[in-house]
Amino acid sequence: MIASADTTSSYDENIKKVDPDWKVVLPRRKRKNCQPKGSRLEQESKQQPWTPPDIEIDQERESKLMQKIDTSIKKLENSKFYDLFLNQIQNPEVFGCFSGVLGSEPNMNMVVYGIGSVESYEDPRLQLSLAILMRKKFGWIGNIEVFDPILSGTETRVLNSLGCSVITVNEEGRRRVSKPTLFFMPHCEAVLYHNLLQANWDVKTVRNLVLFGNSFEAYEHHASVVKDYVALPYTKRILVARSFAKEFRVKADADDQSRAFHESSWHFFWPEHDQELAIV
């Protein structure tokens, strides 16, 4: 059972016109079909091993990056946003959802997709810092796995030194889980949310997911006002999932640190029967 706590991409032009602050990150090129071809095992067999493009070890560069991350962790830990974030997780309703996903499992591992360059930009460092602080604060958060195809060798080694595991295959978000798993995906491309849902698209398996990422409620809002948005194949699954998801919007307007989590939400998925998963 769950124990109590120890006491960034190109935007769709149409959506920007509706709400300039909303970050719906779309695929970089149009896809004819987002539905899988062949079985899931066939898809997995086509996934290519990944290694960072640079292999040279630069200890001074790694030391500077570690200092940057340490600064971000301290800045976030002392922010008003982080206090609000922790209070929300420990709210009985939200905490109860985490408990419901965990069931009898002692913890849930965390998978971080699309983190971006933690060396080049502060927002990815703040996002990584939040993941690390969550593991530190909550004993029911297990191992942290991280992936972004743009990660450098320096970033990979620093992540490993911070106790994170860097995934060595580009899963494109298509990880099917048999145990409770927290997917940490703020400001990711919509297609990654689609791929994650698609890989776990049955009543039993999708209940293992906890998703921290772009608000599905906001996707639903934009689908209602942007012409043809709802017709995009990867948004259809998000909108269907919205109908049986329990969503809690993160309060991200407290201070400068909150910008890295703008329009982010917690999502828990509770379909009751197969008909709710039907995609028209």
C-alpha atoms as a PDB file:
ATOM      1  CA  MET A   1       0.000   0.000   0.000  1.00  0.00           C
ATOM      2  CA  ILE A   2       1.108   3.570  -0.533  1.00  0.00           C
ATOM      3  CA  ALA A   3       2.806   5.185   2.432  1.00  0.00           C
ATOM      4  CA  SER A   4       2.361   8.808   3.331  1.00  0.00           C
ATOM      5  CA  ALA A   5       5.171  11.213   2.488  1.00  0.00           C
ATOM      6  CA  ASP A   6       7.998  11.441   4.989  1.00  0.00           C
ATOM      7  CA  THR A   7       6.138  13.768   7.051  1.00  0.00           C
ATOM      8  CA  THR A   8      10.094  22.213 -24.191  1.00  0.00           C
ATOM      9  CA  SER A   9       9.302  22.205 -29.701  1.00  0.00           C
ATOM     10  CA  SER A  10       7.184  23.615 -32.458  1.00  0.00           C
ATOM     11  CA  TYR A  11       3.537  24.511 -31.841  1.00  0.00           C
ATOM     12  CA  ASP A  12       0.534  24.066 -34.077  1.00  0.00           C
ATOM     13  CA  GLU A  13      -0.172  27.465 -35.613  1.00  0.00           C
ATOM     14  CA  ASN A  14      -3.940  27.180 -35.329  1.00  0.00           C
ATOM     15  CA  ILE A  15      -3.757  26.394 -31.626  1.00  0.00           C
ATOM     16  CA  LYS A  16      -1.374  29.271 -31.015  1.00  0.00           C
ATOM     17  CA  LYS A  17      -3.975  31.630 -32.447  1.00  0.00           C
ATOM     18  CA  VAL A  18      -6.550  30.322 -29.970  1.00  0.00           C
ATOM     19  CA  ASP A  19      -4.265  30.402 -26.930  1.00  0.00           C
ATOM     20  CA  PRO A  20      -0.651  31.612 -27.321  1.00  0.00           C
ATOM     21  CA  ASP A  21       0.328  30.167 -23.923  1.00  0.00           C
ATOM     22  CA  TRP A  22      -0.816  26.619 -24.640  1.00  0.00           C
ATOM     23  CA  LYS A  23       1.919  24.216 -25.674  1.00  0.00           C
ATOM     24  CA  VAL A  24       0.504  21.420 -27.792  1.00  0.00           C
ATOM     25  CA  VAL A  25       3.610  20.010 -29.411  1.00  0.00           C
ATOM     26  CA  LEU A  26       2.872  18.136 -32.581  1.00  0.00           C
ATOM     27  CA  PRO A  27       4.891  15.733 -34.754  1.00  0.00           C
ATOM     28  CA  ARG A  28       7.503  17.379 -36.936  1.00  0.00           C
ATOM     29  CA  ARG A  29       6.117  15.825 -40.086  1.00  0.00           C
ATOM     30  CA  LYS A  30       2.739  14.513 -41.072  1.00  0.00           C
ATOM     31  CA  ARG A  31       2.116  10.815 -40.612  1.00  0.00           C
ATOM     32  CA  LYS A  32      -0.233   8.862 -42.797  1.00  0.00           C
ATOM     33  CA  ASN A  33      -1.305   6.545 -40.028  1.00  0.00           C
ATOM     34  CA  CYS A  34      -0.495   6.295 -36.353  1.00  0.00           C
ATOM     35  CA  GLN A  35      -2.048   2.856 -36.005  1.00  0.00           C
ATOM     36  CA  PRO A  36       0.481   0.049 -35.564  1.00  0.00           C
ATOM     37  CA  LYS A  37       1.297  -2.305 -38.387  1.00  0.00           C
ATOM     38  CA  GLY A  38       1.740  -5.862 -37.234  1.00  0.00           C
ATOM     39  CA  SER A  39       1.838  -7.092 -33.668  1.00  0.00           C
ATOM     40  CA  ARG A  40       3.252  -5.266 -30.682  1.00  0.00           C
ATOM     41  CA  LEU A  41       6.183  -7.704 -30.650  1.00  0.00           C
ATOM     42  CA  GLU A  42       6.929  -6.832 -34.265  1.00  0.00           C
ATOM     43  CA  GLN A  43       6.940  -3.138 -33.341  1.00  0.00           C
ATOM     44  CA  GLU A  44       9.320  -3.757 -30.450  1.00  0.00           C
ATOM     45  CA  SER A  45      11.685  -5.751 -32.657  1.00  0.00           C
ATOM     46  CA  LYS A  46      12.018  -2.732 -34.959  1.00  0.00           C
ATOM     47  CA  GLN A  47      13.063  -0.404 -32.160  1.00  0.00           C
ATOM     48  CA  GLN A  48      16.646   0.620 -32.701  1.00  0.00           C
ATOM     49  CA  PRO A  49      19.286   0.632 -29.965  1.00  0.00           C
ATOM     50  CA  TRP A  50      20.264   4.156 -29.001  1.00  0.00           C
ATOM     51  CA  THR A  51      23.551   5.623 -27.871  1.00  0.00           C
ATOM     52  CA  PRO A  52      24.475   9.293 -27.398  1.00  0.00           C
ATOM     53  CA  PRO A  53      26.161  10.862 -30.423  1.00  0.00           C
ATOM     54  CA  ASP A  54      29.264  11.941 -28.494  1.00  0.00           C
ATOM     55  CA  ILE A  55      31.442   9.494 -26.604  1.00  0.00           C
ATOM     56  CA  GLU A  56      34.269  11.717 -25.413  1.00  0.00           C
ATOM     57  CA  ILE A  57      34.482  12.141 -21.649  1.00  0.00           C
ATOM     58  CA  ASP A  58      34.824  15.735 -20.498  1.00  0.00           C
ATOM     59  CA  GLN A  59      34.985  15.805 -16.717  1.00  0.00           C
ATOM     60  CA  GLU A  60      34.947  19.604 -16.507  1.00  0.00           C
ATOM     61  CA  ARG A  61      31.782  19.725 -18.622  1.00  0.00           C
ATOM     62  CA  GLU A  62      30.159  17.064 -16.449  1.00  0.00           C
ATOM     63  CA  SER A  63      31.101  18.947 -13.278  1.00  0.00           C
ATOM     64  CA  LYS A  64      29.539  22.179 -14.604  1.00  0.00           C
ATOM     65  CA  LEU A  65      26.355  20.344 -15.543  1.00  0.00           C
ATOM     66  CA  MET A  66      26.136  18.714 -12.130  1.00  0.00           C
ATOM     67  CA  GLN A  67      26.450  22.162 -10.537  1.00  0.00           C
ATOM     68  CA  LYS A  68      23.656  23.500 -12.773  1.00  0.00           C
ATOM     69  CA  ILE A  69      21.361  20.637 -11.809  1.00  0.00           C
ATOM     70  CA  ASP A  70      22.183  21.024  -8.128  1.00  0.00           C
ATOM     71  CA  THR A  71      21.301  24.726  -8.385  1.00  0.00           C
ATOM     72  CA  SER A  72      18.004  23.887 -10.094  1.00  0.00           C
ATOM     73  CA  ILE A  73      17.123  21.302  -7.446  1.00  0.00           C
ATOM     74  CA  LYS A  74      17.746  23.782  -4.624  1.00  0.00           C
ATOM     75  CA  LYS A  75      15.862  26.557  -6.427  1.00  0.00           C
ATOM     76  CA  LEU A  76      12.861  24.318  -7.032  1.00  0.00           C
ATOM     77  CA  GLU A  77      12.890  22.785  -3.562  1.00  0.00           C
ATOM     78  CA  ASN A  78      12.659  26.257  -2.012  1.00  0.00           C
ATOM     79  CA  SER A  79       9.966  27.544  -4.362  1.00  0.00           C
ATOM     80  CA  LYS A  80       6.307  28.242  -3.669  1.00  0.00           C
ATOM     81  CA  PHE A  81       5.435  26.058  -6.662  1.00  0.00           C
ATOM     82  CA  TYR A  82       7.052  23.004  -5.054  1.00  0.00           C
ATOM     83  CA  ASP A  83       5.123  23.541  -1.820  1.00  0.00           C
ATOM     84  CA  LEU A  84       1.867  23.686  -3.785  1.00  0.00           C
ATOM     85  CA  PHE A  85       2.906  20.629  -5.791  1.00  0.00           C
ATOM     86  CA  LEU A  86       3.555  18.536  -2.674  1.00  0.00           C
ATOM     87  CA  ASN A  87       0.350  19.704  -1.031  1.00  0.00           C
ATOM     88  CA  GLN A  88      -1.619  18.637  -4.095  1.00  0.00           C
ATOM     89  CA  ILE A  89      -0.118  15.129  -4.124  1.00  0.00           C
ATOM     90  CA  GLN A  90      -0.883  14.747  -0.427  1.00  0.00           C
ATOM     91  CA  ASN A  91      -4.446  15.963  -0.872  1.00  0.00           C
ATOM     92  CA  PRO A  92      -6.671  12.988   0.093  1.00  0.00           C
ATOM     93  CA  GLU A  93      -8.373  12.832  -3.315  1.00  0.00           C
ATOM     94  CA  VAL A  94      -5.132  12.848  -5.331  1.00  0.00           C
ATOM     95  CA  PHE A  95      -3.307  10.661  -2.815  1.00  0.00           C
ATOM     96  CA  GLY A  96      -6.191   8.214  -2.998  1.00  0.00           C
ATOM     97  CA  CYS A  97      -5.732   7.931  -6.772  1.00  0.00           C
ATOM     98  CA  PHE A  98      -2.063   7.065  -6.341  1.00  0.00           C
ATOM     99  CA  SER A  99      -3.076   4.476  -3.741  1.00  0.00           C
ATOM    100  CA  GLY A 100      -5.663   3.037  -6.113  1.00  0.00           C
ATOM    101  CA  VAL A 101      -3.091   2.545  -8.867  1.00  0.00           C
ATOM    102  CA  LEU A 102      -0.496   1.055  -6.510  1.00  0.00           C
ATOM    103  CA  GLY A 103      -2.853  -1.423  -4.891  1.00  0.00           C
ATOM    104  CA  SER A 104      -0.686  -3.981  -3.115  1.00  0.00           C
ATOM    105  CA  GLU A 105       2.512  -2.966  -4.946  1.00  0.00           C
ATOM    106  CA  PRO A 106       5.154  -1.304  -2.721  1.00  0.00           C
ATOM    107  CA  ASN A 107       6.196   1.303  -5.287  1.00  0.00           C
ATOM    108  CA  MET A 108       5.919   2.516  -8.848  1.00  0.00           C
ATOM    109  CA  ASN A 109       8.871   3.204 -11.096  1.00  0.00           C
ATOM    110  CA  MET A 110       9.077   6.458 -13.034  1.00  0.00           C
ATOM    111  CA  VAL A 111       9.717   6.773 -16.771  1.00  0.00           C
ATOM    112  CA  VAL A 112      10.757  10.226 -17.987  1.00  0.00           C
ATOM    113  CA  TYR A 113      10.251  10.764 -21.711  1.00  0.00           C
ATOM    114  CA  GLY A 114      11.183  13.830 -23.749  1.00  0.00           C
ATOM    115  CA  ILE A 115      13.207  15.618 -21.074  1.00  0.00           C
ATOM    116  CA  GLY A 116      15.151  17.665 -23.631  1.00  0.00           C
ATOM    117  CA  SER A 117      18.676  18.971 -23.090  1.00  0.00           C
ATOM    118  CA  VAL A 118      19.296  19.417 -19.379  1.00  0.00           C
ATOM    119  CA  GLU A 119      22.669  20.921 -20.215  1.00  0.00           C
ATOM    120  CA  SER A 120      21.390  23.661 -22.514  1.00  0.00           C
ATOM    121  CA  TYR A 121      18.080  24.752 -20.965  1.00  0.00           C
ATOM    122  CA  GLU A 122      16.765  25.495 -17.501  1.00  0.00           C
ATOM    123  CA  ASP A 123      13.222  24.178 -18.030  1.00  0.00           C
ATOM    124  CA  PRO A 124      14.437  20.588 -18.617  1.00  0.00           C
ATOM    125  CA  ARG A 125      16.661  20.931 -15.549  1.00  0.00           C
ATOM    126  CA  LEU A 126      13.676  22.047 -13.480  1.00  0.00           C
ATOM    127  CA  GLN A 127      11.626  19.124 -14.795  1.00  0.00           C
ATOM    128  CA  LEU A 128      14.412  16.661 -13.980  1.00  0.00           C
ATOM    129  CA  SER A 129      14.764  18.303 -10.564  1.00  0.00           C
ATOM    130  CA  LEU A 130      11.082  17.725  -9.839  1.00  0.00           C
ATOM    131  CA  ALA A 131      11.391  14.034 -10.711  1.00  0.00           C
ATOM    132  CA  ILE A 132      14.435  13.676  -8.443  1.00  0.00           C
ATOM    133  CA  LEU A 133      12.753  15.557  -5.587  1.00  0.00           C
ATOM    134  CA  MET A 134       9.681  13.343  -5.865  1.00  0.00           C
ATOM    135  CA  ARG A 135      11.822  10.232  -5.493  1.00  0.00           C
ATOM    136  CA  LYS A 136      13.532  11.815  -2.490  1.00  0.00           C
ATOM    137  CA  LYS A 137      10.252  12.818  -0.836  1.00  0.00           C
ATOM    138  CA  PHE A 138       8.052   9.794  -1.474  1.00  0.00           C
ATOM    139  CA  GLY A 139       9.220   6.314  -0.577  1.00  0.00           C
ATOM    140  CA  TRP A 140       6.758   4.775  -3.020  1.00  0.00           C
ATOM    141  CA  ILE A 141       8.562   6.279  -6.029  1.00  0.00           C
ATOM    142  CA  GLY A 142      10.995   3.659  -7.339  1.00  0.00           C
ATOM    143  CA  ASN A 143      13.664   3.808 -10.012  1.00  0.00           C
ATOM    144  CA  ILE A 144      13.791   6.649 -12.538  1.00  0.00           C
ATOM    145  CA  GLU A 145      14.404   5.876 -16.213  1.00  0.00           C
ATOM    146  CA  VAL A 146      15.079   8.735 -18.623  1.00  0.00           C
ATOM    147  CA  PHE A 147      15.096   9.080 -22.390  1.00  0.00           C
ATOM    148  CA  ASP A 148      15.366  11.756 -25.025  1.00  0.00           C
ATOM    149  CA  PRO A 149      17.125  11.113 -28.346  1.00  0.00           C
ATOM    150  CA  ILE A 150      18.961  14.444 -28.036  1.00  0.00           C
ATOM    151  CA  LEU A 151      20.728  13.532 -24.783  1.00  0.00           C
ATOM    152  CA  SER A 152      24.489  13.861 -25.003  1.00  0.00           C
ATOM    153  CA  GLY A 153      27.072  11.527 -23.558  1.00  0.00           C
ATOM    154  CA  THR A 154      27.816  14.102 -20.885  1.00  0.00           C
ATOM    155  CA  GLU A 155      24.152  14.334 -19.921  1.00  0.00           C
ATOM    156  CA  THR A 156      23.859  10.539 -19.900  1.00  0.00           C
ATOM    157  CA  ARG A 157      26.781  10.123 -17.510  1.00  0.00           C
ATOM    158  CA  VAL A 158      25.506  12.867 -15.203  1.00  0.00           C
ATOM    159  CA  LEU A 159      22.032  11.305 -15.151  1.00  0.00           C
ATOM    160  CA  ASN A 160      23.578   7.976 -14.208  1.00  0.00           C
ATOM    161  CA  SER A 161      25.547   9.631 -11.413  1.00  0.00           C
ATOM    162  CA  LEU A 162      22.277  11.091 -10.104  1.00  0.00           C
ATOM    163  CA  GLY A 163      20.849   7.581  -9.795  1.00  0.00           C
ATOM    164  CA  CYS A 164      18.789   7.649 -12.978  1.00  0.00           C
ATOM    165  CA  SER A 165      18.943   4.982 -15.693  1.00  0.00           C
ATOM    166  CA  VAL A 166      19.135   6.168 -19.297  1.00  0.00           C
ATOM    167  CA  ILE A 167      17.033   4.010 -21.613  1.00  0.00           C
ATOM    168  CA  THR A 168      19.144   2.583 -24.440  1.00  0.00           C
ATOM    169  CA  VAL A 169      16.294   2.049 -26.938  1.00  0.00           C
ATOM    170  CA  ASN A 170      14.083   4.721 -28.463  1.00  0.00           C
ATOM    171  CA  GLU A 171      10.718   3.343 -27.380  1.00  0.00           C
ATOM    172  CA  GLU A 172       8.850   6.291 -28.956  1.00  0.00           C
ATOM    173  CA  GLY A 173       6.628   6.186 -25.873  1.00  0.00           C
ATOM    174  CA  ARG A 174       5.386   2.675 -26.644  1.00  0.00           C
ATOM    175  CA  ARG A 175       6.078   0.985 -23.336  1.00  0.00           C
ATOM    176  CA  ARG A 176       3.492  -1.523 -22.184  1.00  0.00           C
ATOM    177  CA  VAL A 177       3.454  -1.961 -18.427  1.00  0.00           C
ATOM    178  CA  SER A 178       2.215  -4.785 -16.229  1.00  0.00           C
ATOM    179  CA  LYS A 179       2.792  -2.943 -12.946  1.00  0.00           C
ATOM    180  CA  PRO A 180       1.995   0.566 -11.706  1.00  0.00           C
ATOM    181  CA  THR A 181       4.248   3.025 -13.525  1.00  0.00           C
ATOM    182  CA  LEU A 182       4.495   6.809 -13.390  1.00  0.00           C
ATOM    183  CA  PHE A 183       5.174   8.406 -16.776  1.00  0.00           C
ATOM    184  CA  PHE A 184       6.679  11.854 -16.319  1.00  0.00           C
ATOM    185  CA  MET A 185       6.146  13.700 -19.611  1.00  0.00           C
ATOM    186  CA  PRO A 186       5.599  17.468 -19.219  1.00  0.00           C
ATOM    187  CA  HIS A 187       5.394  19.353 -22.539  1.00  0.00           C
ATOM    188  CA  CYS A 188       5.927  16.258 -24.695  1.00  0.00           C
ATOM    189  CA  GLU A 189       4.615  15.861 -28.234  1.00  0.00           C
ATOM    190  CA  ALA A 190       1.002  14.752 -28.426  1.00  0.00           C
ATOM    191  CA  VAL A 191       2.033  11.702 -30.434  1.00  0.00           C
ATOM    192  CA  LEU A 192       4.033  10.387 -27.456  1.00  0.00           C
ATOM    193  CA  TYR A 193       0.914  10.428 -25.275  1.00  0.00           C
ATOM    194  CA  HIS A 194      -0.926   8.656 -28.098  1.00  0.00           C
ATOM    195  CA  ASN A 195       1.792   5.989 -28.359  1.00  0.00           C
ATOM    196  CA  LEU A 196       1.810   5.382 -24.602  1.00  0.00           C
ATOM    197  CA  LEU A 197      -1.955   5.018 -24.467  1.00  0.00           C
ATOM    198  CA  GLN A 198      -2.020   2.820 -27.561  1.00  0.00           C
ATOM    199  CA  ALA A 199       0.554   0.431 -26.069  1.00  0.00           C
ATOM    200  CA  ASN A 200      -1.603   0.015 -22.950  1.00  0.00           C
ATOM    201  CA  TRP A 201      -5.054   0.274 -24.534  1.00  0.00           C
ATOM    202  CA  ASP A 202      -7.085  -2.242 -22.587  1.00  0.00           C
ATOM    203  CA  VAL A 203      -9.157  -1.913 -19.443  1.00  0.00           C
ATOM    204  CA  LYS A 204      -6.745  -3.695 -17.132  1.00  0.00           C
ATOM    205  CA  THR A 205      -3.411  -2.381 -18.387  1.00  0.00           C
ATOM    206  CA  VAL A 206      -4.266   1.297 -18.761  1.00  0.00           C
ATOM    207  CA  ARG A 207      -5.137   1.357 -15.055  1.00  0.00           C
ATOM    208  CA  ASN A 208      -1.425   0.819 -14.325  1.00  0.00           C
ATOM    209  CA  LEU A 209      -0.595   4.241 -15.753  1.00  0.00           C
ATOM    210  CA  VAL A 210      -0.096   7.461 -13.861  1.00  0.00           C
ATOM    211  CA  LEU A 211       0.685  10.255 -16.298  1.00  0.00           C
ATOM    212  CA  PHE A 212       2.150  13.634 -15.488  1.00  0.00           C
ATOM    213  CA  GLY A 213       1.995  15.665 -18.673  1.00  0.00           C
ATOM    214  CA  ASN A 214       0.010  18.050 -20.841  1.00  0.00           C
ATOM    215  CA  SER A 215      -3.559  18.559 -19.714  1.00  0.00           C
ATOM    216  CA  PHE A 216      -6.002  16.294 -21.570  1.00  0.00           C
ATOM    217  CA  GLU A 217      -8.746  18.731 -20.585  1.00  0.00           C
ATOM    218  CA  ALA A 218      -6.890  21.426 -22.520  1.00  0.00           C
ATOM    219  CA  TYR A 219      -6.573  19.104 -25.539  1.00  0.00           C
ATOM    220  CA  GLU A 220     -10.333  18.612 -25.339  1.00  0.00           C
ATOM    221  CA  HIS A 221     -10.902  22.365 -25.197  1.00  0.00           C
ATOM    222  CA  HIS A 222      -8.747  23.013 -28.252  1.00  0.00           C
ATOM    223  CA  ALA A 223     -10.422  20.190 -30.130  1.00  0.00           C
ATOM    224  CA  SER A 224     -13.713  22.010 -29.603  1.00  0.00           C
ATOM    225  CA  VAL A 225     -12.483  25.286 -31.100  1.00  0.00           C
ATOM    226  CA  VAL A 226      -9.785  24.405 -33.654  1.00  0.00           C
ATOM    227  CA  LYS A 227     -11.034  23.175 -37.013  1.00  0.00           C
ATOM    228  CA  ASP A 228      -9.913  19.637 -37.946  1.00  0.00           C
ATOM    229  CA  TYR A 229      -7.884  19.239 -34.739  1.00  0.00           C
ATOM    230  CA  VAL A 230     -10.097  16.424 -33.487  1.00  0.00           C
ATOM    231  CA  ALA A 231      -9.572  14.542 -36.761  1.00  0.00           C
ATOM    232  CA  LEU A 232      -5.856  14.059 -36.141  1.00  0.00           C
ATOM    233  CA  PRO A 233      -5.358  10.333 -35.392  1.00  0.00           C
ATOM    234  CA  TYR A 234      -3.104  10.790 -32.385  1.00  0.00           C
ATOM    235  CA  THR A 235      -5.446  13.283 -30.707  1.00  0.00           C
ATOM    236  CA  LYS A 236      -8.449  10.972 -31.083  1.00  0.00           C
ATOM    237  CA  ARG A 237      -7.026   8.522 -28.557  1.00  0.00           C
ATOM    238  CA  ILE A 238      -6.176  11.322 -26.141  1.00  0.00           C
ATOM    239  CA  LEU A 239      -9.747  12.618 -26.351  1.00  0.00           C
ATOM    240  CA  VAL A 240     -11.207   9.149 -25.783  1.00  0.00           C
ATOM    241  CA  ALA A 241      -8.915   8.681 -22.775  1.00  0.00           C
ATOM    242  CA  ARG A 242     -10.085  12.037 -21.471  1.00  0.00           C
ATOM    243  CA  SER A 243     -13.589  10.592 -21.097  1.00  0.00           C
ATOM    244  CA  PHE A 244     -12.478   8.045 -18.467  1.00  0.00           C
ATOM    245  CA  ALA A 245      -9.476   9.854 -16.987  1.00  0.00           C
ATOM    246  CA  LYS A 246      -9.363  11.498 -13.599  1.00  0.00           C
ATOM    247  CA  GLU A 247      -7.387  14.702 -14.089  1.00  0.00           C
ATOM    248  CA  PHE A 248      -5.893  17.111 -11.585  1.00  0.00           C
ATOM    249  CA  ARG A 249      -4.428  20.308 -13.035  1.00  0.00           C
ATOM    250  CA  VAL A 250      -1.130  21.327 -11.450  1.00  0.00           C
ATOM    251  CA  LYS A 251      -1.077  24.800  -9.951  1.00  0.00           C
ATOM    252  CA  ALA A 252       1.780  26.306 -11.927  1.00  0.00           C
ATOM    253  CA  ASP A 253       1.302  30.051 -11.586  1.00  0.00           C
ATOM    254  CA  ALA A 254       3.033  30.627  -8.282  1.00  0.00           C
ATOM    255  CA  ASP A 255       6.560  31.698  -9.317  1.00  0.00           C
ATOM    256  CA  ASP A 256       9.189  31.572 -12.068  1.00  0.00           C
ATOM    257  CA  GLN A 257       9.907  27.885 -11.489  1.00  0.00           C
ATOM    258  CA  SER A 258       6.343  26.993 -12.458  1.00  0.00           C
ATOM    259  CA  ARG A 259       6.826  27.889 -16.151  1.00  0.00           C
ATOM    260  CA  ALA A 260       8.405  24.490 -16.812  1.00  0.00           C
ATOM    261  CA  PHE A 261       5.084  22.876 -15.823  1.00  0.00           C
ATOM    262  CA  HIS A 262       2.587  25.225 -17.473  1.00  0.00           C
ATOM    263  CA  GLU A 263      -0.683  23.461 -18.417  1.00  0.00           C
ATOM    264  CA  SER A 264       0.473  20.188 -16.820  1.00  0.00           C
ATOM    265  CA  SER A 265      -1.814  17.718 -15.050  1.00  0.00           C
ATOM    266  CA  TRP A 266      -1.884  14.429 -13.220  1.00  0.00           C
ATOM    267  CA  HIS A 267      -3.928  11.794 -15.070  1.00  0.00           C
ATOM    268  CA  PHE A 268      -5.305   8.514 -13.713  1.00  0.00           C
ATOM    269  CA  PHE A 269      -7.219   6.180 -16.032  1.00  0.00           C
ATOM    270  CA  TRP A 270     -10.282   4.281 -14.817  1.00  0.00           C
ATOM    271  CA  PRO A 271     -12.222   2.687 -17.701  1.00  0.00           C
ATOM    272  CA  GLU A 272     -14.949   0.305 -16.563  1.00  0.00           C
ATOM    273  CA  HIS A 273     -15.480  -1.685 -19.776  1.00  0.00           C
ATOM    274  CA  ASP A 274     -14.074  -2.212 -23.273  1.00  0.00           C
ATOM    275  CA  GLN A 275     -16.692  -0.019 -24.929  1.00  0.00           C
ATOM    276  CA  GLU A 276     -15.139   3.062 -23.327  1.00  0.00           C
ATOM    277  CA  LEU A 277     -11.944   2.399 -25.306  1.00  0.00           C
ATOM    278  CA  ALA A 278     -13.669   2.390 -28.690  1.00  0.00           C
ATOM    279  CA  ILE A 279     -12.198   4.921 -31.145  1.00  0.00           C
ATOM    280  CA  VAL A 280     -14.596   6.131 -33.827  1.00  0.00           C
END
